[in-house]
C-alpha atoms as a PDB file:
ATOM      1  CA  MET A   1      74.570 -58.844  -8.849  1.00  0.00           C
ATOM      2  CA  ASN A   2      71.212 -57.199  -8.225  1.00  0.00           C
ATOM      3  CA  LEU A   3      71.600 -55.138 -11.394  1.00  0.00           C
ATOM      4  CA  ILE A   4      72.311 -58.253 -13.503  1.00  0.00           C
ATOM      5  CA  SER A   5      69.323 -60.200 -12.147  1.00  0.00           C
ATOM      6  CA  THR A   6      67.031 -57.193 -12.744  1.00  0.00           C
ATOM      7  CA  LEU A   7      68.380 -56.889 -16.291  1.00  0.00           C
ATOM      8  CA  ILE A   8      67.757 -60.601 -16.936  1.00  0.00           C
ATOM      9  CA  VAL A   9      64.190 -60.398 -15.594  1.00  0.00           C
ATOM     10  CA  TRP A  10      63.355 -57.318 -17.705  1.00  0.00           C
ATOM     11  CA  THR A  11      64.929 -58.875 -20.799  1.00  0.00           C
ATOM     12  CA  TRP A  12      62.929 -62.053 -20.267  1.00  0.00           C
ATOM     13  CA  LEU A  13      59.661 -60.088 -19.815  1.00  0.00           C
ATOM     14  CA  LEU A  14      60.392 -57.995 -22.889  1.00  0.00           C
ATOM     15  CA  CYS A  15      61.043 -61.105 -24.997  1.00  0.00           C
ATOM     16  CA  ILE A  16      57.839 -62.773 -23.797  1.00  0.00           C
ATOM     17  CA  GLY A  17      55.887 -59.564 -24.441  1.00  0.00           C
ATOM     18  CA  LEU A  18      57.203 -59.251 -27.982  1.00  0.00           C
ATOM     19  CA  VAL A  19      57.315 -62.884 -29.067  1.00  0.00           C
ATOM     20  CA  ALA A  20      54.091 -64.273 -27.523  1.00  0.00           C
ATOM     21  CA  PRO A  21      51.672 -62.057 -29.544  1.00  0.00           C
ATOM     22  CA  THR A  22      53.264 -63.184 -32.813  1.00  0.00           C
ATOM     23  CA  THR A  23      52.157 -66.745 -32.135  1.00  0.00           C
ATOM     24  CA  LEU A  24      48.509 -65.706 -31.751  1.00  0.00           C
ATOM     25  CA  PRO A  25      46.210 -65.482 -34.771  1.00  0.00           C
ATOM     26  CA  ALA A  26      45.076 -62.079 -35.996  1.00  0.00           C
ATOM     27  CA  GLY A  27      42.419 -60.814 -33.646  1.00  0.00           C
ATOM     28  CA  GLY A  28      43.878 -62.519 -30.583  1.00  0.00           C
ATOM     29  CA  ALA A  29      42.433 -65.699 -29.198  1.00  0.00           C
ATOM     30  CA  GLN A  30      39.072 -65.431 -30.950  1.00  0.00           C
ATOM     31  CA  LYS A  31      37.492 -68.602 -32.265  1.00  0.00           C
ATOM     32  CA  SER A  32      37.178 -68.812 -35.998  1.00  0.00           C
ATOM     33  CA  ILE A  33      33.666 -68.827 -37.423  1.00  0.00           C
ATOM     34  CA  ILE A  34      34.726 -71.409 -39.995  1.00  0.00           C
ATOM     35  CA  GLN A  35      35.967 -73.828 -37.339  1.00  0.00           C
ATOM     36  CA  ASP A  36      32.711 -73.531 -35.365  1.00  0.00           C
ATOM     37  CA  ARG A  37      30.484 -74.054 -38.365  1.00  0.00           C
ATOM     38  CA  LYS A  38      28.511 -77.255 -38.033  1.00  0.00           C
ATOM     39  CA  ASN A  39      26.813 -79.298 -40.685  1.00  0.00           C
ATOM     40  CA  ASN A  40      23.166 -78.533 -40.014  1.00  0.00           C
ATOM     41  CA  ILE A  41      22.113 -80.888 -42.742  1.00  0.00           C
ATOM     42  CA  GLY A  42      22.217 -84.358 -41.255  1.00  0.00           C
ATOM     43  CA  SER A  43      22.276 -87.850 -42.656  1.00  0.00           C
ATOM     44  CA  PRO A  44      20.798 -88.767 -46.048  1.00  0.00           C
ATOM     45  CA  ILE A  45      17.081 -88.505 -46.565  1.00  0.00           C
ATOM     46  CA  ILE A  46      15.025 -91.013 -48.531  1.00  0.00           C
ATOM     47  CA  ALA A  47      13.147 -89.871 -51.628  1.00  0.00           C
ATOM     48  CA  LEU A  48       9.423 -90.499 -51.130  1.00  0.00           C
ATOM     49  CA  LYS A  49       8.483 -90.037 -54.771  1.00  0.00           C
ATOM     50  CA  ARG A  50      10.142 -89.953 -58.178  1.00  0.00           C
ATOM     51  CA  PHE A  51      11.737 -86.649 -59.201  1.00  0.00           C
ATOM     52  CA  ASP A  52      14.096 -85.242 -61.826  1.00  0.00           C
ATOM     53  CA  LEU A  53      17.621 -84.111 -60.944  1.00  0.00           C
ATOM     54  CA  LEU A  54      18.258 -80.834 -62.818  1.00  0.00           C
ATOM     55  CA  THR A  55      21.501 -79.245 -64.021  1.00  0.00           C
ATOM     56  CA  SER A  56      20.769 -75.814 -62.518  1.00  0.00           C
ATOM     57  CA  ALA A  57      18.336 -74.112 -60.172  1.00  0.00           C
ATOM     58  CA  SER A  58      15.965 -73.082 -62.931  1.00  0.00           C
ATOM     59  CA  ASN A  59      12.681 -74.410 -64.230  1.00  0.00           C
ATOM     60  CA  TYR A  60      14.117 -74.363 -67.767  1.00  0.00           C
ATOM     61  CA  SER A  61      17.223 -76.495 -67.076  1.00  0.00           C
ATOM     62  CA  THR A  62      17.843 -79.950 -68.479  1.00  0.00           C
ATOM     63  CA  THR A  63      17.390 -83.211 -66.596  1.00  0.00           C
ATOM     64  CA  LEU A  64      20.495 -85.098 -65.493  1.00  0.00           C
ATOM     65  CA  THR A  65      18.715 -88.205 -64.288  1.00  0.00           C
ATOM     66  CA  THR A  66      15.460 -89.365 -62.767  1.00  0.00           C
ATOM     67  CA  VAL A  67      15.613 -90.428 -59.126  1.00  0.00           C
ATOM     68  CA  THR A  68      13.225 -93.178 -58.086  1.00  0.00           C
ATOM     69  CA  ALA A  69      11.376 -93.440 -54.785  1.00  0.00           C
ATOM     70  CA  GLY A  70      13.396 -95.033 -51.970  1.00  0.00           C
ATOM     71  CA  THR A  71      16.762 -93.657 -53.135  1.00  0.00           C
ATOM     72  CA  PRO A  72      18.956 -92.045 -50.420  1.00  0.00           C
ATOM     73  CA  VAL A  73      19.618 -88.369 -51.149  1.00  0.00           C
ATOM     74  CA  ASN A  74      22.327 -86.239 -49.487  1.00  0.00           C
ATOM     75  CA  VAL A  75      21.381 -82.559 -49.202  1.00  0.00           C
ATOM     76  CA  ILE A  76      24.445 -80.386 -49.833  1.00  0.00           C
ATOM     77  CA  LYS A  77      22.998 -76.883 -49.967  1.00  0.00           C
ATOM     78  CA  VAL A  78      19.683 -75.064 -49.621  1.00  0.00           C
ATOM     79  CA  TRP A  79      19.144 -72.089 -51.920  1.00  0.00           C
ATOM     80  CA  GLU A  80      16.260 -69.663 -51.568  1.00  0.00           C
ATOM     81  CA  SER A  81      15.350 -67.491 -54.528  1.00  0.00           C
ATOM     82  CA  ASN A  82      12.648 -64.841 -54.720  1.00  0.00           C
ATOM     83  CA  GLU A  83      12.109 -65.513 -58.416  1.00  0.00           C
ATOM     84  CA  ASN A  84      12.368 -69.308 -58.696  1.00  0.00           C
ATOM     85  CA  GLY A  85      11.370 -70.550 -55.206  1.00  0.00           C
ATOM     86  CA  ASN A  86      13.386 -72.840 -52.944  1.00  0.00           C
ATOM     87  CA  TRP A  87      15.938 -75.307 -54.314  1.00  0.00           C
ATOM     88  CA  LEU A  88      18.137 -78.071 -52.907  1.00  0.00           C
ATOM     89  CA  LEU A  89      21.556 -79.049 -54.236  1.00  0.00           C
ATOM     90  CA  VAL A  90      21.635 -82.811 -53.685  1.00  0.00           C
ATOM     91  CA  SER A  91      23.964 -85.709 -54.288  1.00  0.00           C
ATOM     92  CA  VAL A  92      22.471 -89.023 -55.391  1.00  0.00           C
ATOM     93  CA  LEU A  93      24.155 -92.396 -55.811  1.00  0.00           C
ATOM     94  CA  CYS A  94      23.537 -93.538 -59.408  1.00  0.00           C
ATOM     95  CA  GLN A  95      24.338 -96.782 -61.157  1.00  0.00           C
ATOM     96  CA  ASN A  96      25.516 -96.825 -64.738  1.00  0.00           C
ATOM     97  CA  PHE A  97      26.102-100.381 -65.957  1.00  0.00           C
ATOM     98  CA  ASP A  98      28.683-101.816 -63.519  1.00  0.00           C
ATOM     99  CA  GLN A  99      29.728 -98.520 -61.905  1.00  0.00           C
ATOM    100  CA  LEU A 100      28.308 -96.642 -58.950  1.00  0.00           C
ATOM    101  CA  PHE A 101      28.934 -92.902 -58.787  1.00  0.00           C
ATOM    102  CA  TYR A 102      27.508 -89.808 -57.140  1.00  0.00           C
ATOM    103  CA  ARG A 103      25.685 -87.302 -59.278  1.00  0.00           C
ATOM    104  CA  ARG A 104      24.962 -83.775 -58.078  1.00  0.00           C
ATOM    105  CA  GLY A 105      22.008 -81.736 -59.184  1.00  0.00           C
ATOM    106  CA  TRP A 106      19.223 -79.361 -58.205  1.00  0.00           C
ATOM    107  CA  VAL A 107      15.714 -80.180 -57.013  1.00  0.00           C
ATOM    108  CA  GLU A 108      12.886 -77.701 -56.533  1.00  0.00           C
ATOM    109  CA  ILE A 109      11.080 -77.936 -53.214  1.00  0.00           C
END
């Protein structure tokens, strides 16, 4: 009887030791950097003056639309370039006839 109970205990420990690590993510119980990433860019900002929304982060790109003062602007990404300066990828709510839609573009800071 003692031999059977010892065999059951060792079998149970072996199963737990072999099966439990397979349920953990690679690297053990580390927190993922992607899950901890927070949106550092907060709520929409209000445009204080009129500016052009550009198709790319370049001074030679074409204008998508002109944003008027007082329009809410959502900042999506900040891009720093040694050659062209600092740029923001923004999303602006535009109205075209009866439709409202978001338009994304670049703005130089």
